[in-house]
PDB file of N, CA and C in Angstrom:
ATOM      1  N   UNK A   1     -13.473  22.113  28.900  1.00  0.00           N
ATOM      2  CA  UNK A   1     -13.355  20.814  28.179  1.00  0.00           C
ATOM      3  C   UNK A   1     -13.868  21.364  26.529  1.00  0.00           C
ATOM      4  N   UNK A   2     -13.279  21.273  25.892  1.00  0.00           N
ATOM      5  CA  UNK A   2     -12.918  22.495  24.285  1.00  0.00           C
ATOM      6  C   UNK A   2     -14.640  20.697  23.277  1.00  0.00           C
ATOM      7  N   UNK A   3     -15.419  22.013  22.658  1.00  0.00           N
ATOM      8  CA  UNK A   3     -16.289  21.335  21.841  1.00  0.00           C
ATOM      9  C   UNK A   3     -15.343  20.357  20.831  1.00  0.00           C
ATOM     10  N   UNK A   4     -16.085  19.438  20.712  1.00  0.00           N
ATOM     11  CA  UNK A   4     -15.287  18.613  18.853  1.00  0.00           C
ATOM     12  C   UNK A   4     -15.664  19.211  17.675  1.00  0.00           C
ATOM     13  N   UNK A   5     -14.293  18.975  16.710  1.00  0.00           N
ATOM     14  CA  UNK A   5     -15.789  19.744  15.812  1.00  0.00           C
ATOM     15  C   UNK A   5     -15.779  18.401  14.994  1.00  0.00           C
ATOM     16  N   UNK A   6     -16.254  18.768  14.205  1.00  0.00           N
ATOM     17  CA  UNK A   6     -17.201  17.702  13.021  1.00  0.00           C
ATOM     18  C   UNK A   6     -16.308  17.515  12.222  1.00  0.00           C
ATOM     19  N   UNK A   7     -15.635  16.615  11.649  1.00  0.00           N
ATOM     20  CA  UNK A   7     -15.326  15.563  10.459  1.00  0.00           C
ATOM     21  C   UNK A   7     -16.487  16.223   9.251  1.00  0.00           C
ATOM     22  N   UNK A   8     -16.100  16.397   8.377  1.00  0.00           N
ATOM     23  CA  UNK A   8     -16.693  16.394   6.718  1.00  0.00           C
ATOM     24  C   UNK A   8     -17.429  17.533   6.585  1.00  0.00           C
ATOM     25  N   UNK A   9     -18.315  18.018   6.637  1.00  0.00           N
ATOM     26  CA  UNK A   9     -19.395  18.867   6.341  1.00  0.00           C
ATOM     27  C   UNK A   9     -20.809  18.620   6.847  1.00  0.00           C
ATOM     28  N   UNK A  10     -21.187  17.938   8.013  1.00  0.00           N
ATOM     29  CA  UNK A  10     -22.019  17.890   8.445  1.00  0.00           C
ATOM     30  C   UNK A  10     -22.295  19.193   9.494  1.00  0.00           C
ATOM     31  N   UNK A  11     -21.419  19.426   9.698  1.00  0.00           N
ATOM     32  CA  UNK A  11     -21.411  20.539  10.258  1.00  0.00           C
ATOM     33  C   UNK A  11     -22.082  22.395   9.826  1.00  0.00           C
ATOM     34  N   UNK A  12     -22.254  21.986   7.995  1.00  0.00           N
ATOM     35  CA  UNK A  12     -22.350  22.957   7.508  1.00  0.00           C
ATOM     36  C   UNK A  12     -24.401  22.751   7.332  1.00  0.00           C
ATOM     37  N   UNK A  13     -24.672  21.757   7.307  1.00  0.00           N
ATOM     38  CA  UNK A  13     -25.938  21.629   7.432  1.00  0.00           C
ATOM     39  C   UNK A  13     -26.584  21.841   6.204  1.00  0.00           C
ATOM     40  N   UNK A  14     -26.108  21.274   5.062  1.00  0.00           N
ATOM     41  CA  UNK A  14     -26.485  20.988   3.803  1.00  0.00           C
ATOM     42  C   UNK A  14     -27.592  19.814   3.703  1.00  0.00           C
ATOM     43  N   UNK A  15     -28.702  21.024   2.753  1.00  0.00           N
ATOM     44  CA  UNK A  15     -29.828  20.597   2.479  1.00  0.00           C
ATOM     45  C   UNK A  15     -29.407  20.201   0.597  1.00  0.00           C
ATOM     46  N   UNK A  16     -30.885  19.214  -0.196  1.00  0.00           N
ATOM     47  CA  UNK A  16     -30.798  19.033  -2.012  1.00  0.00           C
ATOM     48  C   UNK A  16     -30.875  20.522  -1.802  1.00  0.00           C
ATOM     49  N   UNK A  17     -31.323  21.822  -0.956  1.00  0.00           N
ATOM     50  CA  UNK A  17     -31.892  22.530  -2.154  1.00  0.00           C
ATOM     51  C   UNK A  17     -30.386  23.500  -1.844  1.00  0.00           C
ATOM     52  N   UNK A  18     -29.094  23.368  -0.754  1.00  0.00           N
ATOM     53  CA  UNK A  18     -28.009  23.858  -0.544  1.00  0.00           C
ATOM     54  C   UNK A  18     -26.909  23.168  -2.227  1.00  0.00           C
ATOM     55  N   UNK A  19     -27.531  22.215  -1.902  1.00  0.00           N
ATOM     56  CA  UNK A  19     -26.811  21.536  -3.640  1.00  0.00           C
ATOM     57  C   UNK A  19     -27.359  21.826  -4.467  1.00  0.00           C
ATOM     58  N   UNK A  20     -28.394  21.869  -4.728  1.00  0.00           N
ATOM     59  CA  UNK A  20     -28.806  22.430  -5.548  1.00  0.00           C
ATOM     60  C   UNK A  20     -28.368  23.626  -6.860  1.00  0.00           C
ATOM     61  N   UNK A  21     -28.517  24.534  -5.117  1.00  0.00           N
ATOM     62  CA  UNK A  21     -27.997  26.260  -5.461  1.00  0.00           C
ATOM     63  C   UNK A  21     -27.053  25.742  -6.074  1.00  0.00           C
ATOM     64  N   UNK A  22     -25.946  25.146  -5.645  1.00  0.00           N
ATOM     65  CA  UNK A  22     -24.138  25.244  -6.131  1.00  0.00           C
ATOM     66  C   UNK A  22     -23.925  24.754  -7.452  1.00  0.00           C
ATOM     67  N   UNK A  23     -24.941  23.902  -7.518  1.00  0.00           N
ATOM     68  CA  UNK A  23     -24.560  23.247  -8.647  1.00  0.00           C
ATOM     69  C   UNK A  23     -25.287  23.963  -9.995  1.00  0.00           C
ATOM     70  N   UNK A  24     -26.202  24.713  -9.684  1.00  0.00           N
ATOM     71  CA  UNK A  24     -25.998  25.605 -10.043  1.00  0.00           C
ATOM     72  C   UNK A  24     -25.795  26.976 -11.076  1.00  0.00           C
ATOM     73  N   UNK A  25     -24.774  27.014  -9.717  1.00  0.00           N
ATOM     74  CA  UNK A  25     -24.133  28.405 -10.431  1.00  0.00           C
ATOM     75  C   UNK A  25     -23.016  27.212 -11.419  1.00  0.00           C
ATOM     76  N   UNK A  26     -22.582  26.469 -10.838  1.00  0.00           N
ATOM     77  CA  UNK A  26     -21.360  25.970 -10.905  1.00  0.00           C
ATOM     78  C   UNK A  26     -21.167  25.370 -12.700  1.00  0.00           C
ATOM     79  N   UNK A  27     -22.994  25.218 -12.819  1.00  0.00           N
ATOM     80  CA  UNK A  27     -23.317  24.410 -14.334  1.00  0.00           C
ATOM     81  C   UNK A  27     -23.179  26.482 -14.984  1.00  0.00           C
ATOM     82  N   UNK A  28     -23.797  27.633 -14.314  1.00  0.00           N
ATOM     83  CA  UNK A  28     -24.145  28.311 -15.738  1.00  0.00           C
ATOM     84  C   UNK A  28     -22.476  28.919 -16.072  1.00  0.00           C
ATOM     85  N   UNK A  29     -21.083  28.317 -14.776  1.00  0.00           N
ATOM     86  CA  UNK A  29     -20.134  29.206 -15.430  1.00  0.00           C
ATOM     87  C   UNK A  29     -19.458  28.397 -15.537  1.00  0.00           C
ATOM     88  N   UNK A  30     -20.196  26.880 -15.925  1.00  0.00           N
ATOM     89  CA  UNK A  30     -19.066  26.163 -17.156  1.00  0.00           C
ATOM     90  C   UNK A  30     -19.530  26.223 -18.736  1.00  0.00           C
ATOM     91  N   UNK A  31     -20.704  27.054 -18.611  1.00  0.00           N
ATOM     92  CA  UNK A  31     -21.750  27.327 -19.823  1.00  0.00           C
ATOM     93  C   UNK A  31     -21.082  28.477 -20.759  1.00  0.00           C
ATOM     94  N   UNK A  32     -20.871  29.479 -18.968  1.00  0.00           N
ATOM     95  CA  UNK A  32     -20.546  30.395 -19.375  1.00  0.00           C
ATOM     96  C   UNK A  32     -18.699  30.135 -20.151  1.00  0.00           C
ATOM     97  N   UNK A  33     -18.584  28.953 -19.635  1.00  0.00           N
ATOM     98  CA  UNK A  33     -16.957  28.983 -20.183  1.00  0.00           C
ATOM     99  C   UNK A  33     -16.579  28.446 -21.729  1.00  0.00           C
ATOM    100  N   UNK A  34     -17.661  27.997 -21.429  1.00  0.00           N
ATOM    101  CA  UNK A  34     -18.126  26.748 -23.012  1.00  0.00           C
ATOM    102  C   UNK A  34     -18.192  28.085 -24.060  1.00  0.00           C
ATOM    103  N   UNK A  35     -19.099  28.588 -23.446  1.00  0.00           N
ATOM    104  CA  UNK A  35     -20.067  30.442 -24.934  1.00  0.00           C
ATOM    105  C   UNK A  35     -18.608  31.322 -25.254  1.00  0.00           C
ATOM    106  N   UNK A  36     -17.985  31.161 -24.265  1.00  0.00           N
ATOM    107  CA  UNK A  36     -16.478  32.236 -24.141  1.00  0.00           C
ATOM    108  C   UNK A  36     -15.385  31.291 -24.988  1.00  0.00           C
ATOM    109  N   UNK A  37     -15.511  30.498 -25.358  1.00  0.00           N
ATOM    110  CA  UNK A  37     -14.267  29.224 -26.156  1.00  0.00           C
ATOM    111  C   UNK A  37     -14.725  29.300 -27.091  1.00  0.00           C
ATOM    112  N   UNK A  38     -16.013  29.586 -27.106  1.00  0.00           N
ATOM    113  CA  UNK A  38     -17.033  29.189 -29.068  1.00  0.00           C
ATOM    114  C   UNK A  38     -16.419  30.391 -29.738  1.00  0.00           C
ATOM    115  N   UNK A  39     -17.771  31.622 -28.401  1.00  0.00           N
ATOM    116  CA  UNK A  39     -16.888  33.143 -29.066  1.00  0.00           C
ATOM    117  C   UNK A  39     -16.946  33.693 -28.284  1.00  0.00           C
ATOM    118  N   UNK A  40     -15.994  34.237 -28.091  1.00  0.00           N
ATOM    119  CA  UNK A  40     -14.871  34.898 -27.412  1.00  0.00           C
ATOM    120  C   UNK A  40     -15.671  36.496 -27.701  1.00  0.00           C
ATOM    121  N   UNK A  41     -15.466  37.350 -26.389  1.00  0.00           N
ATOM    122  CA  UNK A  41     -15.686  38.570 -26.093  1.00  0.00           C
ATOM    123  C   UNK A  41     -17.548  38.389 -25.908  1.00  0.00           C
ATOM    124  N   UNK A  42     -18.240  38.086 -26.176  1.00  0.00           N
ATOM    125  CA  UNK A  42     -19.592  37.635 -26.344  1.00  0.00           C
ATOM    126  C   UNK A  42     -21.015  39.163 -26.173  1.00  0.00           C
ATOM    127  N   UNK A  43     -20.257  39.102 -27.637  1.00  0.00           N
ATOM    128  CA  UNK A  43     -20.574  40.782 -28.686  1.00  0.00           C
ATOM    129  C   UNK A  43     -21.045  41.688 -26.937  1.00  0.00           C
ATOM    130  N   UNK A  44     -20.738  42.840 -26.627  1.00  0.00           N
ATOM    131  CA  UNK A  44     -20.596  43.665 -26.022  1.00  0.00           C
ATOM    132  C   UNK A  44     -21.852  44.704 -26.329  1.00  0.00           C
ATOM    133  N   UNK A  45     -23.246  44.409 -26.024  1.00  0.00           N
ATOM    134  CA  UNK A  45     -23.827  45.394 -25.933  1.00  0.00           C
ATOM    135  C   UNK A  45     -24.245  46.330 -25.291  1.00  0.00           C
ATOM    136  N   UNK A  46     -25.352  47.642 -25.812  1.00  0.00           N
ATOM    137  CA  UNK A  46     -25.833  48.519 -24.787  1.00  0.00           C
ATOM    138  C   UNK A  46     -26.662  48.426 -24.284  1.00  0.00           C
ATOM    139  N   UNK A  47     -27.224  48.148 -23.482  1.00  0.00           N
ATOM    140  CA  UNK A  47     -28.300  48.251 -23.163  1.00  0.00           C
ATOM    141  C   UNK A  47     -29.289  49.353 -22.957  1.00  0.00           C
ATOM    142  N   UNK A  48     -30.186  48.558 -21.992  1.00  0.00           N
ATOM    143  CA  UNK A  48     -31.929  50.159 -21.651  1.00  0.00           C
ATOM    144  C   UNK A  48     -30.810  51.311 -20.389  1.00  0.00           C
ATOM    145  N   UNK A  49     -29.836  50.677 -19.847  1.00  0.00           N
ATOM    146  CA  UNK A  49     -30.232  51.518 -18.727  1.00  0.00           C
ATOM    147  C   UNK A  49     -28.003  52.175 -19.169  1.00  0.00           C
ATOM    148  N   UNK A  50     -28.215  52.396 -20.236  1.00  0.00           N
ATOM    149  CA  UNK A  50     -26.772  52.620 -21.454  1.00  0.00           C
ATOM    150  C   UNK A  50     -25.484  52.625 -20.428  1.00  0.00           C
ATOM    151  N   UNK A  51     -25.194  50.978 -20.401  1.00  0.00           N
ATOM    152  CA  UNK A  51     -24.130  50.050 -19.614  1.00  0.00           C
ATOM    153  C   UNK A  51     -24.064  49.551 -21.215  1.00  0.00           C
ATOM    154  N   UNK A  52     -22.516  48.990 -21.303  1.00  0.00           N
ATOM    155  CA  UNK A  52     -21.580  47.729 -22.136  1.00  0.00           C
ATOM    156  C   UNK A  52     -21.608  46.780 -21.491  1.00  0.00           C
ATOM    157  N   UNK A  53     -22.269  45.607 -22.010  1.00  0.00           N
ATOM    158  CA  UNK A  53     -22.233  45.168 -21.307  1.00  0.00           C
ATOM    159  C   UNK A  53     -21.645  43.934 -22.167  1.00  0.00           C
ATOM    160  N   UNK A  54     -21.319  42.574 -21.314  1.00  0.00           N
ATOM    161  CA  UNK A  54     -21.206  41.038 -21.684  1.00  0.00           C
ATOM    162  C   UNK A  54     -21.231  40.318 -21.371  1.00  0.00           C
ATOM    163  N   UNK A  55     -21.648  38.805 -22.195  1.00  0.00           N
ATOM    164  CA  UNK A  55     -23.118  37.712 -21.348  1.00  0.00           C
ATOM    165  C   UNK A  55     -22.173  37.873 -20.011  1.00  0.00           C
ATOM    166  N   UNK A  56     -21.203  38.008 -20.011  1.00  0.00           N
ATOM    167  CA  UNK A  56     -20.546  37.112 -17.640  1.00  0.00           C
ATOM    168  C   UNK A  56     -20.945  38.688 -17.010  1.00  0.00           C
ATOM    169  N   UNK A  57     -20.594  39.750 -18.120  1.00  0.00           N
ATOM    170  CA  UNK A  57     -21.622  41.658 -17.139  1.00  0.00           C
ATOM    171  C   UNK A  57     -22.947  40.592 -16.619  1.00  0.00           C
ATOM    172  N   UNK A  58     -23.851  40.170 -17.615  1.00  0.00           N
ATOM    173  CA  UNK A  58     -24.630  40.590 -17.887  1.00  0.00           C
ATOM    174  C   UNK A  58     -25.175  39.128 -16.376  1.00  0.00           C
ATOM    175  N   UNK A  59     -25.110  38.091 -16.275  1.00  0.00           N
ATOM    176  CA  UNK A  59     -24.925  36.843 -15.880  1.00  0.00           C
ATOM    177  C   UNK A  59     -24.730  37.407 -14.627  1.00  0.00           C
ATOM    178  N   UNK A  60     -23.314  38.579 -13.829  1.00  0.00           N
ATOM    179  CA  UNK A  60     -23.042  38.927 -13.072  1.00  0.00           C
ATOM    180  C   UNK A  60     -24.683  39.541 -12.057  1.00  0.00           C
ATOM    181  N   UNK A  61     -24.868  40.777 -13.121  1.00  0.00           N
ATOM    182  CA  UNK A  61     -26.350  41.814 -12.971  1.00  0.00           C
ATOM    183  C   UNK A  61     -27.750  40.481 -12.469  1.00  0.00           C
ATOM    184  N   UNK A  62     -28.166  39.199 -13.702  1.00  0.00           N
ATOM    185  CA  UNK A  62     -29.306  38.615 -13.283  1.00  0.00           C
ATOM    186  C   UNK A  62     -28.329  37.925 -11.628  1.00  0.00           C
ATOM    187  N   UNK A  63     -27.388  37.345 -10.862  1.00  0.00           N
ATOM    188  CA  UNK A  63     -27.313  36.733  -9.850  1.00  0.00           C
ATOM    189  C   UNK A  63     -27.039  37.613  -8.749  1.00  0.00           C
ATOM    190  N   UNK A  64     -27.115  39.248  -9.150  1.00  0.00           N
ATOM    191  CA  UNK A  64     -27.269  40.203  -8.117  1.00  0.00           C
ATOM    192  C   UNK A  64     -28.938  40.588  -7.556  1.00  0.00           C
ATOM    193  N   UNK A  65     -29.725  40.016  -8.576  1.00  0.00           N
ATOM    194  CA  UNK A  65     -30.921  41.179  -9.043  1.00  0.00           C
ATOM    195  C   UNK A  65     -31.293  39.601  -8.518  1.00  0.00           C
ATOM    196  N   UNK A  66     -31.661  38.803  -8.268  1.00  0.00           N
ATOM    197  CA  UNK A  66     -31.336  37.245  -8.342  1.00  0.00           C
ATOM    198  C   UNK A  66     -32.054  37.149  -6.813  1.00  0.00           C
ATOM    199  N   UNK A  67     -30.521  37.764  -6.030  1.00  0.00           N
ATOM    200  CA  UNK A  67     -30.734  37.583  -4.978  1.00  0.00           C
ATOM    201  C   UNK A  67     -31.012  38.883  -3.803  1.00  0.00           C
ATOM    202  N   UNK A  68     -31.075  39.719  -4.262  1.00  0.00           N
ATOM    203  CA  UNK A  68     -31.979  40.615  -3.558  1.00  0.00           C
ATOM    204  C   UNK A  68     -33.548  40.742  -3.642  1.00  0.00           C
ATOM    205  N   UNK A  69     -33.686  39.934  -4.772  1.00  0.00           N
ATOM    206  CA  UNK A  69     -35.396  39.601  -5.701  1.00  0.00           C
ATOM    207  C   UNK A  69     -35.234  38.909  -3.812  1.00  0.00           C
ATOM    208  N   UNK A  70     -35.397  37.696  -3.865  1.00  0.00           N
ATOM    209  CA  UNK A  70     -35.351  36.284  -2.316  1.00  0.00           C
ATOM    210  C   UNK A  70     -35.068  37.193  -1.172  1.00  0.00           C
ATOM    211  N   UNK A  71     -34.249  38.232  -0.457  1.00  0.00           N
ATOM    212  CA  UNK A  71     -34.213  38.819  -0.139  1.00  0.00           C
ATOM    213  C   UNK A  71     -35.853  39.832   0.153  1.00  0.00           C
ATOM    214  N   UNK A  72     -35.813  40.411  -1.121  1.00  0.00           N
ATOM    215  CA  UNK A  72     -36.426  41.252  -0.789  1.00  0.00           C
ATOM    216  C   UNK A  72     -38.539  40.327  -0.077  1.00  0.00           C
ATOM    217  N   UNK A  73     -38.876  39.524  -1.369  1.00  0.00           N
ATOM    218  CA  UNK A  73     -39.872  38.715  -0.931  1.00  0.00           C
ATOM    219  C   UNK A  73     -39.883  37.767   0.458  1.00  0.00           C
ATOM    220  N   UNK A  74     -38.906  37.202   1.157  1.00  0.00           N
ATOM    221  CA  UNK A  74     -38.463  36.866   2.174  1.00  0.00           C
ATOM    222  C   UNK A  74     -39.342  37.806   2.965  1.00  0.00           C
ATOM    223  N   UNK A  75     -38.422  39.378   3.168  1.00  0.00           N
ATOM    224  CA  UNK A  75     -39.052  39.967   3.741  1.00  0.00           C
ATOM    225  C   UNK A  75     -40.391  40.940   3.769  1.00  0.00           C
ATOM    226  N   UNK A  76     -40.796  40.817   2.353  1.00  0.00           N
ATOM    227  CA  UNK A  76     -42.607  41.672   2.349  1.00  0.00           C
ATOM    228  C   UNK A  76     -43.017  39.910   2.359  1.00  0.00           C
ATOM    229  N   UNK A  77     -42.861  38.913   1.799  1.00  0.00           N
ATOM    230  CA  UNK A  77     -43.891  37.508   1.833  1.00  0.00           C
ATOM    231  C   UNK A  77     -43.859  36.326   3.419  1.00  0.00           C
ATOM    232  N   UNK A  78     -42.399  36.447   2.511  1.00  0.00           N
ATOM    233  CA  UNK A  78     -42.447  35.210   4.022  1.00  0.00           C
ATOM    234  C   UNK A  78     -41.869  33.512   2.934  1.00  0.00           C
ATOM    235  N   UNK A  79     -41.853  32.489   2.913  1.00  0.00           N
ATOM    236  CA  UNK A  79     -41.836  31.338   2.375  1.00  0.00           C
ATOM    237  C   UNK A  79     -42.969  30.988   2.151  1.00  0.00           C
ATOM    238  N   UNK A  80     -43.545  30.794   0.645  1.00  0.00           N
ATOM    239  CA  UNK A  80     -42.173  29.872   0.654  1.00  0.00           C
ATOM    240  C   UNK A  80     -41.919  30.560  -0.694  1.00  0.00           C
ATOM    241  N   UNK A  81     -40.810  30.683  -1.442  1.00  0.00           N
ATOM    242  CA  UNK A  81     -39.667  31.287  -2.365  1.00  0.00           C
ATOM    243  C   UNK A  81     -40.008  30.905  -3.527  1.00  0.00           C
ATOM    244  N   UNK A  82     -41.023  30.480  -4.250  1.00  0.00           N
ATOM    245  CA  UNK A  82     -40.977  30.512  -5.539  1.00  0.00           C
ATOM    246  C   UNK A  82     -41.194  30.746  -6.118  1.00  0.00           C
ATOM    247  N   UNK A  83     -42.030  32.187  -5.674  1.00  0.00           N
ATOM    248  CA  UNK A  83     -43.043  33.578  -6.754  1.00  0.00           C
ATOM    249  C   UNK A  83     -41.497  33.824  -6.671  1.00  0.00           C
ATOM    250  N   UNK A  84     -40.888  34.033  -5.522  1.00  0.00           N
ATOM    251  CA  UNK A  84     -39.293  34.617  -5.972  1.00  0.00           C
ATOM    252  C   UNK A  84     -38.927  34.073  -7.020  1.00  0.00           C
ATOM    253  N   UNK A  85     -38.236  32.874  -7.005  1.00  0.00           N
ATOM    254  CA  UNK A  85     -37.313  32.167  -7.954  1.00  0.00           C
ATOM    255  C   UNK A  85     -38.291  32.332  -9.359  1.00  0.00           C
ATOM    256  N   UNK A  86     -39.559  32.306  -9.377  1.00  0.00           N
ATOM    257  CA  UNK A  86     -40.052  33.066 -11.304  1.00  0.00           C
ATOM    258  C   UNK A  86     -39.559  34.615 -11.131  1.00  0.00           C
ATOM    259  N   UNK A  87     -39.980  35.525 -10.201  1.00  0.00           N
ATOM    260  CA  UNK A  87     -39.661  36.358 -11.227  1.00  0.00           C
ATOM    261  C   UNK A  87     -37.978  36.800 -11.458  1.00  0.00           C
ATOM    262  N   UNK A  88     -37.322  36.080 -10.590  1.00  0.00           N
ATOM    263  CA  UNK A  88     -35.349  36.054 -10.285  1.00  0.00           C
ATOM    264  C   UNK A  88     -35.451  35.444 -11.857  1.00  0.00           C
ATOM    265  N   UNK A  89     -36.060  34.696 -12.392  1.00  0.00           N
ATOM    266  CA  UNK A  89     -36.067  34.276 -13.396  1.00  0.00           C
ATOM    267  C   UNK A  89     -36.482  34.586 -14.921  1.00  0.00           C
ATOM    268  N   UNK A  90     -37.195  35.506 -14.378  1.00  0.00           N
ATOM    269  CA  UNK A  90     -38.384  36.298 -15.770  1.00  0.00           C
ATOM    270  C   UNK A  90     -36.977  37.904 -16.131  1.00  0.00           C
ATOM    271  N   UNK A  91     -36.445  38.257 -14.309  1.00  0.00           N
ATOM    272  CA  UNK A  91     -35.622  39.213 -14.819  1.00  0.00           C
ATOM    273  C   UNK A  91     -34.417  38.831 -15.405  1.00  0.00           C
ATOM    274  N   UNK A  92     -33.867  37.924 -14.919  1.00  0.00           N
ATOM    275  CA  UNK A  92     -32.292  37.500 -15.956  1.00  0.00           C
ATOM    276  C   UNK A  92     -32.854  37.465 -17.278  1.00  0.00           C
ATOM    277  N   UNK A  93     -33.838  36.716 -17.557  1.00  0.00           N
ATOM    278  CA  UNK A  93     -34.453  36.905 -18.948  1.00  0.00           C
ATOM    279  C   UNK A  93     -33.788  37.490 -20.113  1.00  0.00           C
ATOM    280  N   UNK A  94     -35.007  38.861 -18.795  1.00  0.00           N
ATOM    281  CA  UNK A  94     -34.846  41.088 -19.286  1.00  0.00           C
ATOM    282  C   UNK A  94     -33.701  41.354 -19.075  1.00  0.00           C
ATOM    283  N   UNK A  95     -32.726  40.822 -18.732  1.00  0.00           N
ATOM    284  CA  UNK A  95     -31.546  41.420 -18.415  1.00  0.00           C
ATOM    285  C   UNK A  95     -30.710  40.976 -19.460  1.00  0.00           C
ATOM    286  N   UNK A  96     -30.848  38.978 -19.713  1.00  0.00           N
ATOM    287  CA  UNK A  96     -29.990  38.769 -21.131  1.00  0.00           C
ATOM    288  C   UNK A  96     -30.394  39.772 -21.977  1.00  0.00           C
ATOM    289  N   UNK A  97     -31.149  40.159 -22.488  1.00  0.00           N
ATOM    290  CA  UNK A  97     -33.021  40.402 -23.774  1.00  0.00           C
ATOM    291  C   UNK A  97     -32.449  41.486 -23.887  1.00  0.00           C
ATOM    292  N   UNK A  98     -32.491  41.746 -22.980  1.00  0.00           N
ATOM    293  CA  UNK A  98     -32.096  44.224 -23.140  1.00  0.00           C
ATOM    294  C   UNK A  98     -31.265  44.383 -22.568  1.00  0.00           C
ATOM    295  N   UNK A  99     -30.579  44.118 -21.082  1.00  0.00           N
ATOM    296  CA  UNK A  99     -29.526  44.727 -21.070  1.00  0.00           C
ATOM    297  C   UNK A  99     -28.275  44.645 -21.204  1.00  0.00           C
TER     298      UNK A  99
END
C-alpha cells in the first residue's frame, strides 16, 4: 500500500509564525520594488567593510545575517527566539545605516 498524499498545504504544517515570516519577506520585496521605482539605483554607497552596496544588497545582507543570528541563538540559547529577532533587527539597522 502506498501512503496517501494529502491535498492542499496541510502537509507543510504551516503555523501563523511561518505565514508571518513569508508575509514579511513579501512586504519587504514590495517595499523595495516601490523604492526602486521612485528612486532607481538606491544611491550606491561605500560601507564600513569597503563594499559598495545598494538598498537591495543591504536587504540581502540583513536577511542573511538574520538567518545566521537565529541559527547561532538556537545553538547557544535555544528557544524562545525573541532575543535573536531583536538582535537581527538591530543588525539590520546598522547595515542599512553604515554598510
